[in-house]
Amino acid sequence: MTGQMLVLNAGSSSLKFALFDPGTRPARIAAGNLSRIGSAPWLKLRIGDTTTETRAAADGPIDLRVAAALVFDALYAKGLLDGISAVGHRIVHGGAMFTAPVLLDAAVVGQLEALVPLAPLHQPHNLDIVRFAAERLPQAAQIGCFDTAFHAARPRLDMLYALPRELTDDGMIAYGFHGLSYAHIAARLRALDGERAGGRTIVAHLGSGASLCAMQGGVSVATTMGFSALEGLMMATRSGSIDPGILLHLIEAKGMTASEISELLYSRSGLLGVSGFSGDMQVLIESDASQAREAVDLFIYRTGRAIGSLAAVLGGLDTLVFTAGIGENSTIIRQRLGDAAAWLGVQIDADANQRGNAVISPPGSAVMAHVIPADEELAIAEGMIACLENGLDG
């Protein structure tokens, strides 16, 4: 393909972006992030290996379209919007239909709108940015890359819930998320280990949203998130898996509405709910409050138990990977999870872990423990190239 590629990765409180030159492996020209959209917006832009700009982007809270406009204006001022031929977007939910990157026309966007109830914190923001980018760069192809796609080929039994078949046929299955992050990790493991790609691997994507993925040879075979991004691990403000009887009780005995329960599970639970004051793991680690300690302990317990569950699916463990904000930056959480999985052969070298080495297991360890930075933007860029090449070939 000719022209440069712009990648936009919209979340509920931030907008990450990157600019690539296409090639056999996309080359990053610039990258950045507009963070803290709902409080004190802050823009970071890095061009090449030398120029970094960080500054306040606005005086107070802004919505995502304003954030996108500020990002586009910053790129335009640096001459970085010239020659953009394609814009790639992270789309959280592709449902059963979209299992590979796709050109985003009006019909496709309409189909993705129907999936908003399955990912209410992310899907609306993703699609808002698609529309904005189409307005600002009408000459560019808009391409969607899906967080659910990486998990689409895993075994059917990992997708099924024990529900009546008509509900399963209506799409009530476990889709799995964080697929772009996992696709990047799988590619890195192949680069390090060839087609074996770490063998029996569990990847811990631990950030404000958190999940685990079991891979065999770099292919997803099981994951903790399911029909929505609520299932699985305890997260910053999301509950993770919960007895559905609690939800029935809240409806029948407490009179809560669907919107109230949604707000409870997505925004007032997890680390925030248990601690009572913060969903930020580092804040909780540094706190002396007993509720903070309990929140961290529960996170470790739930995650350690889930690692055991996925190891059972794999029949053992060869590789453990930490990624995303907590996974990449918290030495304490990595050490504690390594201790929780010691029965599987996991060992964490304290010095390597403290230094943040790429490999934090000691030589000769039965399980290799890696720290690999998340790079969803690169995964999107690679998906864009594949999509455009397939389109040209077709």
Protein backbone atom coordinates (compact mmCIF):
# COMPACT_ATOMS: atom_id res chain seq x y z
CA MET A 1 0.00 0.00 0.00
CA THR A 2 1.05 3.62 -0.44
CA GLY A 3 0.66 6.42 2.05
CA GLN A 4 0.95 6.42 5.80
CA MET A 5 -1.33 4.81 8.37
CA LEU A 6 -2.87 6.49 11.39
CA VAL A 7 -3.95 4.26 14.29
CA LEU A 8 -6.54 5.43 16.82
CA ASN A 9 -7.16 3.48 20.02
CA ALA A 10 -10.07 5.04 21.91
CA GLY A 11 -10.87 4.13 25.50
CA SER A 12 -13.36 5.53 27.96
CA SER A 13 -10.86 8.04 29.39
CA SER A 14 -8.02 8.22 26.86
CA LEU A 15 -7.16 8.27 23.18
CA LYS A 16 -3.93 6.59 22.10
CA PHE A 17 -2.62 7.21 18.59
CA ALA A 18 0.29 6.24 16.37
CA LEU A 19 1.48 6.96 12.86
CA PHE A 20 3.15 4.23 10.79
CA ASP A 21 4.90 3.80 7.49
CA PRO A 22 3.65 0.51 6.01
CA GLY A 23 6.05 -2.24 5.12
CA THR A 24 6.84 -5.84 5.91
CA ARG A 25 6.83 -4.65 9.51
CA PRO A 26 5.20 -1.24 10.03
CA ALA A 27 7.64 1.49 11.11
CA ARG A 28 6.39 3.84 13.82
CA ILE A 29 6.85 7.49 12.90
CA ALA A 30 5.08 9.07 15.84
CA ALA A 31 2.92 8.04 18.78
CA GLY A 32 1.16 9.54 21.73
CA ASN A 33 -1.75 9.61 24.08
CA LEU A 34 -4.34 12.10 25.22
CA SER A 35 -5.10 10.90 28.73
CA ARG A 36 -7.31 11.95 31.67
CA ILE A 37 -10.05 13.13 29.32
CA GLY A 38 -12.62 13.26 32.11
CA SER A 39 -10.53 15.31 34.52
CA ALA A 40 -7.35 17.14 33.46
CA PRO A 41 -6.60 16.26 29.81
CA TRP A 42 -2.91 15.75 29.11
CA LEU A 43 -1.30 15.30 25.68
CA LYS A 44 1.90 13.38 25.03
CA LEU A 45 3.34 13.23 21.51
CA ARG A 46 6.60 11.55 20.54
CA ILE A 47 8.03 11.93 17.03
CA GLY A 48 10.74 9.46 16.06
CA ASP A 49 13.31 8.78 18.76
CA THR A 50 14.10 12.35 19.72
CA THR A 51 11.17 14.76 19.96
CA THR A 52 8.72 14.48 22.83
CA GLU A 53 6.03 17.02 23.63
CA THR A 54 3.97 16.86 26.82
CA ARG A 55 1.46 19.49 27.85
CA ALA A 56 -1.96 20.16 29.25
CA ALA A 57 -4.49 19.79 26.44
CA ALA A 58 -7.46 21.58 28.02
CA ASP A 59 -8.45 23.38 31.21
CA GLY A 60 -11.01 20.81 32.30
CA PRO A 61 -12.95 17.69 31.33
CA ILE A 62 -13.69 17.17 27.64
CA ASP A 63 -15.59 14.58 25.63
CA LEU A 64 -13.93 12.13 23.27
CA ARG A 65 -14.71 14.02 20.07
CA VAL A 66 -13.03 17.13 21.49
CA ALA A 67 -10.10 14.93 22.49
CA ALA A 68 -9.90 13.57 18.95
CA ALA A 69 -9.97 17.10 17.54
CA LEU A 70 -7.09 18.11 19.82
CA VAL A 71 -5.06 15.08 18.71
CA PHE A 72 -5.72 15.77 15.03
CA ASP A 73 -4.83 19.44 15.48
CA ALA A 74 -1.55 18.50 17.19
CA LEU A 75 -0.65 16.09 14.39
CA TYR A 76 -1.66 18.62 11.72
CA ALA A 77 0.54 21.30 13.33
CA LYS A 78 3.52 18.95 12.99
CA GLY A 79 2.69 18.13 9.37
CA LEU A 80 1.87 14.54 10.30
CA LEU A 81 -1.57 14.31 8.71
CA ASP A 82 -0.32 14.75 5.17
CA GLY A 83 -0.50 11.63 3.05
CA ILE A 84 -2.64 9.50 5.37
CA SER A 85 -4.22 6.78 3.25
CA ALA A 86 -5.76 4.63 5.98
CA VAL A 87 -6.97 5.03 9.55
CA GLY A 88 -7.11 1.99 11.79
CA HIS A 89 -9.41 1.73 14.79
CA ARG A 90 -9.57 -0.53 17.80
CA ILE A 91 -13.13 -1.84 17.98
CA VAL A 92 -13.74 -3.72 21.21
CA HIS A 93 -16.58 -5.97 20.07
CA GLY A 94 -16.87 -7.61 16.67
CA GLY A 95 -19.48 -10.16 17.69
CA ALA A 96 -19.65 -13.46 15.82
CA MET A 97 -19.55 -11.77 12.42
CA PHE A 98 -16.30 -9.80 12.44
CA THR A 99 -13.31 -12.05 13.08
CA ALA A 100 -10.71 -10.20 11.00
CA PRO A 101 -9.93 -6.55 10.18
CA VAL A 102 -12.54 -5.00 7.90
CA LEU A 103 -13.23 -1.80 5.98
CA LEU A 104 -15.69 0.30 7.94
CA ASP A 105 -18.50 1.47 5.70
CA ALA A 106 -21.90 2.68 6.89
CA ALA A 107 -23.39 -0.82 6.83
CA VAL A 108 -20.59 -2.29 8.95
CA VAL A 109 -20.76 0.59 11.44
CA GLY A 110 -24.48 -0.01 11.75
CA GLN A 111 -23.89 -3.67 12.56
CA LEU A 112 -21.29 -2.69 15.16
CA GLU A 113 -23.75 -0.25 16.74
CA ALA A 114 -25.98 -3.22 17.55
CA LEU A 115 -23.17 -4.58 19.77
CA VAL A 116 -23.00 -1.47 22.00
CA PRO A 117 -24.94 -3.15 24.85
CA LEU A 118 -22.24 -5.83 25.02
CA ALA A 119 -19.42 -3.32 25.53
CA PRO A 120 -21.05 -0.10 26.78
CA LEU A 121 -17.85 1.40 28.18
CA HIS A 122 -15.91 1.11 24.93
CA GLN A 123 -17.94 0.42 21.79
CA PRO A 124 -19.70 3.83 21.64
CA HIS A 125 -16.34 5.62 21.99
CA ASN A 126 -14.73 3.44 19.33
CA LEU A 127 -17.51 4.20 16.84
CA ASP A 128 -17.56 7.92 17.66
CA ILE A 129 -13.90 8.07 16.68
CA VAL A 130 -14.58 6.19 13.44
CA ARG A 131 -17.11 8.83 12.43
CA PHE A 132 -14.84 11.69 13.47
CA ALA A 133 -11.87 10.32 11.52
CA ALA A 134 -14.05 9.81 8.43
CA GLU A 135 -15.08 13.48 8.61
CA ARG A 136 -11.53 14.80 9.08
CA LEU A 137 -9.83 12.43 6.62
CA PRO A 138 -12.48 11.57 4.02
CA GLN A 139 -9.85 10.35 1.54
CA ALA A 140 -8.59 7.67 3.92
CA ALA A 141 -9.89 4.13 4.27
CA GLN A 142 -11.32 3.47 7.73
CA ILE A 143 -10.41 0.00 9.01
CA GLY A 144 -11.71 -1.74 12.12
CA CYS A 145 -9.59 -4.21 14.09
CA PHE A 146 -11.42 -6.18 16.77
CA ASP A 147 -10.52 -7.14 20.32
CA THR A 148 -12.70 -10.22 20.01
CA ALA A 149 -11.13 -11.52 16.79
CA PHE A 150 -8.06 -13.19 18.33
CA HIS A 151 -10.32 -15.51 20.32
CA ALA A 152 -12.74 -16.39 17.52
CA ALA A 153 -11.13 -19.70 16.59
CA ARG A 154 -10.72 -21.13 20.08
CA PRO A 155 -12.54 -24.38 20.98
CA ARG A 156 -16.32 -24.18 20.98
CA LEU A 157 -16.55 -25.51 24.54
CA ASP A 158 -14.68 -22.44 25.78
CA MET A 159 -17.33 -20.24 24.15
CA LEU A 160 -20.42 -21.98 25.50
CA TYR A 161 -22.52 -21.13 28.52
CA ALA A 162 -24.92 -23.70 29.98
CA LEU A 163 -27.94 -21.88 28.56
CA PRO A 164 -30.81 -23.08 26.37
CA ARG A 165 -29.56 -23.65 22.85
CA GLU A 166 -31.79 -20.93 21.36
CA LEU A 167 -29.94 -18.33 23.45
CA THR A 168 -26.58 -19.72 22.35
CA ASP A 169 -27.76 -19.56 18.74
CA ASP A 170 -28.79 -15.96 19.37
CA GLY A 171 -25.17 -15.03 20.11
CA MET A 172 -25.03 -15.43 23.88
CA ILE A 173 -21.58 -16.98 23.95
CA ALA A 174 -18.21 -16.05 25.45
CA TYR A 175 -16.36 -13.86 22.94
CA GLY A 176 -13.27 -12.84 24.89
CA PHE A 177 -11.53 -9.45 24.75
CA HIS A 178 -8.10 -7.76 24.83
CA GLY A 179 -7.43 -9.68 21.63
CA LEU A 180 -5.27 -7.00 20.02
CA SER A 181 -2.98 -7.04 23.04
CA TYR A 182 -2.84 -10.85 22.96
CA ALA A 183 -2.17 -10.86 19.21
CA HIS A 184 0.84 -8.62 19.80
CA ILE A 185 2.14 -10.87 22.58
CA ALA A 186 1.70 -13.96 20.39
CA ALA A 187 3.72 -12.27 17.63
CA ARG A 188 6.49 -11.35 20.09
CA LEU A 189 6.62 -14.92 21.40
CA ARG A 190 6.94 -16.23 17.85
CA ALA A 191 9.81 -13.81 17.26
CA LEU A 192 11.50 -15.09 20.43
CA ASP A 193 10.65 -18.78 20.17
CA GLY A 194 9.67 -19.59 16.60
CA GLU A 195 6.44 -21.45 15.89
CA ARG A 196 6.44 -22.91 19.39
CA ALA A 197 5.63 -19.35 20.59
CA GLY A 198 6.16 -20.20 24.22
CA GLY A 199 4.30 -23.50 24.11
CA ARG A 200 1.67 -23.69 26.84
CA THR A 201 1.37 -20.01 27.70
CA ILE A 202 -0.75 -17.86 29.97
CA VAL A 203 -0.72 -14.14 29.24
CA ALA A 204 -1.82 -11.82 32.05
CA HIS A 205 -3.15 -8.56 30.59
CA LEU A 206 -3.42 -6.62 33.84
CA GLY A 207 -4.56 -3.01 33.63
CA SER A 208 -7.68 -1.12 34.64
CA GLY A 209 -9.36 -3.83 32.59
CA ALA A 210 -7.83 -7.22 33.26
CA SER A 211 -8.00 -10.68 31.72
CA LEU A 212 -5.98 -13.82 31.13
CA CYS A 213 -5.53 -15.78 27.92
CA ALA A 214 -4.32 -19.35 27.58
CA MET A 215 -2.40 -19.91 24.33
CA GLN A 216 -1.01 -23.03 22.73
CA GLY A 217 1.66 -22.15 20.18
CA GLY A 218 0.46 -18.54 20.09
CA VAL A 219 -3.19 -19.44 19.46
CA SER A 220 -5.97 -18.60 21.92
CA VAL A 221 -7.55 -21.68 23.49
CA ALA A 222 -9.25 -20.12 26.53
CA THR A 223 -9.73 -16.69 28.09
CA THR A 224 -11.34 -15.23 31.19
CA MET A 225 -13.55 -12.52 29.67
CA GLY A 226 -16.72 -13.75 28.03
CA PHE A 227 -19.98 -12.38 26.64
CA SER A 228 -19.01 -8.96 27.97
CA ALA A 229 -15.91 -7.33 29.42
CA LEU A 230 -17.36 -7.83 32.91
CA GLU A 231 -16.59 -11.54 33.24
CA GLY A 232 -13.43 -12.99 34.71
CA LEU A 233 -10.86 -11.19 36.83
CA MET A 234 -11.53 -8.47 39.35
CA MET A 235 -10.62 -5.12 37.72
CA ALA A 236 -10.18 -1.46 38.66
CA THR A 237 -13.89 -0.67 38.83
CA ARG A 238 -15.47 -3.82 37.32
CA SER A 239 -16.58 -6.74 39.45
CA GLY A 240 -15.37 -9.59 37.32
CA SER A 241 -17.25 -12.87 37.61
CA ILE A 242 -20.09 -12.80 40.11
CA ASP A 243 -22.85 -15.18 41.16
CA PRO A 244 -25.86 -14.25 38.98
CA GLY A 245 -28.00 -14.93 42.04
CA ILE A 246 -26.65 -11.68 43.49
CA LEU A 247 -28.02 -9.81 40.49
CA LEU A 248 -31.41 -11.48 40.85
CA HIS A 249 -31.39 -10.51 44.53
CA LEU A 250 -30.57 -6.89 43.69
CA ILE A 251 -33.48 -6.80 41.25
CA GLU A 252 -36.04 -8.64 43.36
CA ALA A 253 -35.16 -7.59 46.92
CA LYS A 254 -33.46 -4.23 46.39
CA GLY A 255 -35.53 -3.02 43.43
CA MET A 256 -32.51 -2.04 41.37
CA THR A 257 -32.97 -1.30 37.68
CA ALA A 258 -30.83 -2.64 34.85
CA SER A 259 -29.06 0.71 34.48
CA GLU A 260 -28.32 0.84 38.21
CA ILE A 261 -26.88 -2.67 38.17
CA SER A 262 -24.83 -1.84 35.08
CA GLU A 263 -23.37 1.21 36.81
CA LEU A 264 -22.65 -0.86 39.92
CA LEU A 265 -20.83 -3.64 38.06
CA TYR A 266 -18.91 -1.48 35.61
CA SER A 267 -18.09 1.60 37.68
CA ARG A 268 -18.39 0.98 41.44
CA SER A 269 -17.00 -2.51 41.96
CA GLY A 270 -13.59 -4.18 41.61
CA LEU A 271 -10.64 -2.61 43.41
CA LEU A 272 -12.62 0.59 43.93
CA GLY A 273 -15.59 -1.20 45.45
CA VAL A 274 -13.58 -3.39 47.82
CA SER A 275 -11.20 -0.65 48.95
CA GLY A 276 -13.88 2.00 49.13
CA PHE A 277 -11.67 4.76 47.78
CA SER A 278 -9.55 3.86 44.70
CA GLY A 279 -9.37 1.59 41.68
CA ASP A 280 -5.68 2.46 41.12
CA MET A 281 -3.52 -0.52 42.04
CA GLN A 282 -0.46 1.57 42.90
CA VAL A 283 -2.48 3.82 45.22
CA LEU A 284 -3.79 0.72 47.00
CA ILE A 285 -0.36 -0.87 47.30
CA GLU A 286 0.99 2.30 48.90
CA SER A 287 -1.97 2.66 51.28
CA ASP A 288 -1.96 1.49 54.92
CA ALA A 289 -5.76 1.07 54.95
CA SER A 290 -6.95 -2.45 55.72
CA GLN A 291 -9.56 -2.21 52.94
CA ALA A 292 -6.78 -1.43 50.45
CA ARG A 293 -4.82 -4.49 51.53
CA GLU A 294 -7.92 -6.63 51.22
CA ALA A 295 -8.60 -5.31 47.71
CA VAL A 296 -5.06 -6.18 46.59
CA ASP A 297 -5.23 -9.57 48.31
CA LEU A 298 -8.52 -10.36 46.58
CA PHE A 299 -7.05 -9.35 43.20
CA ILE A 300 -4.12 -11.73 43.75
CA TYR A 301 -6.38 -14.54 44.95
CA ARG A 302 -8.85 -14.25 42.06
CA THR A 303 -6.09 -13.93 39.46
CA GLY A 304 -4.05 -16.79 40.93
CA ARG A 305 -7.11 -19.03 40.95
CA ALA A 306 -7.83 -18.15 37.31
CA ILE A 307 -4.22 -18.95 36.33
CA GLY A 308 -4.75 -22.40 37.82
CA SER A 309 -7.94 -22.84 35.83
CA LEU A 310 -6.25 -21.98 32.54
CA ALA A 311 -3.25 -24.16 33.36
CA ALA A 312 -5.71 -27.04 33.72
CA VAL A 313 -6.99 -26.33 30.20
CA LEU A 314 -3.43 -26.30 28.87
CA GLY A 315 -2.35 -29.38 30.81
CA GLY A 316 0.54 -27.50 32.40
CA LEU A 317 2.47 -24.29 31.88
CA ASP A 318 5.64 -23.41 29.95
CA THR A 319 5.43 -19.61 29.79
CA LEU A 320 3.84 -16.83 31.84
CA VAL A 321 3.67 -13.31 30.37
CA PHE A 322 2.83 -10.07 32.16
CA THR A 323 1.60 -7.12 30.12
CA ALA A 324 -0.46 -3.86 30.34
CA GLY A 325 -0.21 -1.18 33.03
CA ILE A 326 -0.12 -3.29 36.19
CA GLY A 327 1.60 -6.23 34.55
CA GLU A 328 4.38 -4.09 33.11
CA ASN A 329 4.93 -1.76 36.07
CA SER A 330 4.11 -3.47 39.37
CA THR A 331 6.98 -5.57 40.67
CA ILE A 332 4.92 -6.47 43.74
CA ILE A 333 1.97 -7.85 41.77
CA ARG A 334 4.27 -9.83 39.47
CA GLN A 335 6.08 -11.33 42.47
CA ARG A 336 2.87 -12.19 44.32
CA LEU A 337 1.28 -13.80 41.27
CA GLY A 338 4.48 -15.73 40.65
CA ASP A 339 4.28 -16.99 44.23
CA ALA A 340 0.61 -17.90 43.73
CA ALA A 341 1.58 -19.96 40.67
CA ALA A 342 4.69 -21.53 42.22
CA TRP A 343 2.94 -24.91 42.25
CA LEU A 344 2.99 -24.76 38.43
CA GLY A 345 6.77 -24.28 38.40
CA VAL A 346 6.74 -20.46 38.24
CA GLN A 347 9.73 -18.76 39.84
CA ILE A 348 10.37 -15.02 39.87
CA ASP A 349 13.94 -13.74 40.15
CA ALA A 350 13.61 -10.86 42.62
CA ASP A 351 16.48 -8.81 41.15
CA ALA A 352 15.37 -9.26 37.53
CA ASN A 353 11.82 -8.41 38.54
CA GLN A 354 12.91 -5.27 40.39
CA ARG A 355 14.93 -4.13 37.37
CA GLY A 356 11.97 -4.76 35.07
CA ASN A 357 13.89 -7.16 32.85
CA ALA A 358 12.22 -8.70 29.84
CA VAL A 359 12.71 -12.13 31.45
CA ILE A 360 12.09 -12.27 35.19
CA SER A 361 12.43 -16.01 35.82
CA PRO A 362 15.80 -17.44 36.88
CA PRO A 363 17.89 -19.53 34.48
CA GLY A 364 16.69 -23.10 34.37
CA SER A 365 13.21 -22.27 35.65
CA ALA A 366 10.54 -24.74 34.55
CA VAL A 367 8.36 -21.81 33.45
CA MET A 368 9.70 -18.80 31.55
CA ALA A 369 8.29 -15.56 32.95
CA HIS A 370 8.31 -12.57 30.60
CA VAL A 371 7.37 -8.91 30.84
CA ILE A 372 6.29 -7.73 27.39
CA PRO A 373 4.91 -4.22 26.90
CA ALA A 374 1.47 -4.03 25.34
CA ASP A 375 1.39 -2.58 21.82
CA GLU A 376 -2.15 -2.65 20.50
CA GLU A 377 -1.30 0.10 18.03
CA LEU A 378 1.27 -2.08 16.24
CA ALA A 379 -1.20 -4.98 16.16
CA ILE A 380 -3.77 -2.66 14.57
CA ALA A 381 -1.25 -1.44 11.99
CA GLU A 382 -0.40 -5.02 11.03
CA GLY A 383 -4.11 -5.84 10.77
CA MET A 384 -4.64 -2.82 8.52
CA ILE A 385 -1.95 -3.97 6.11
CA ALA A 386 -3.47 -7.45 5.96
CA CYS A 387 -6.93 -6.01 5.36
CA LEU A 388 -5.79 -3.72 2.55
CA GLU A 389 -3.67 -6.42 0.90
CA ASN A 390 -6.59 -8.85 0.98
CA GLY A 391 -8.84 -6.18 -0.49
CA LEU A 392 -6.39 -5.50 -3.30
CA ASP A 393 -5.93 -9.19 -3.97
CA GLY A 394 -9.69 -9.70 -4.07
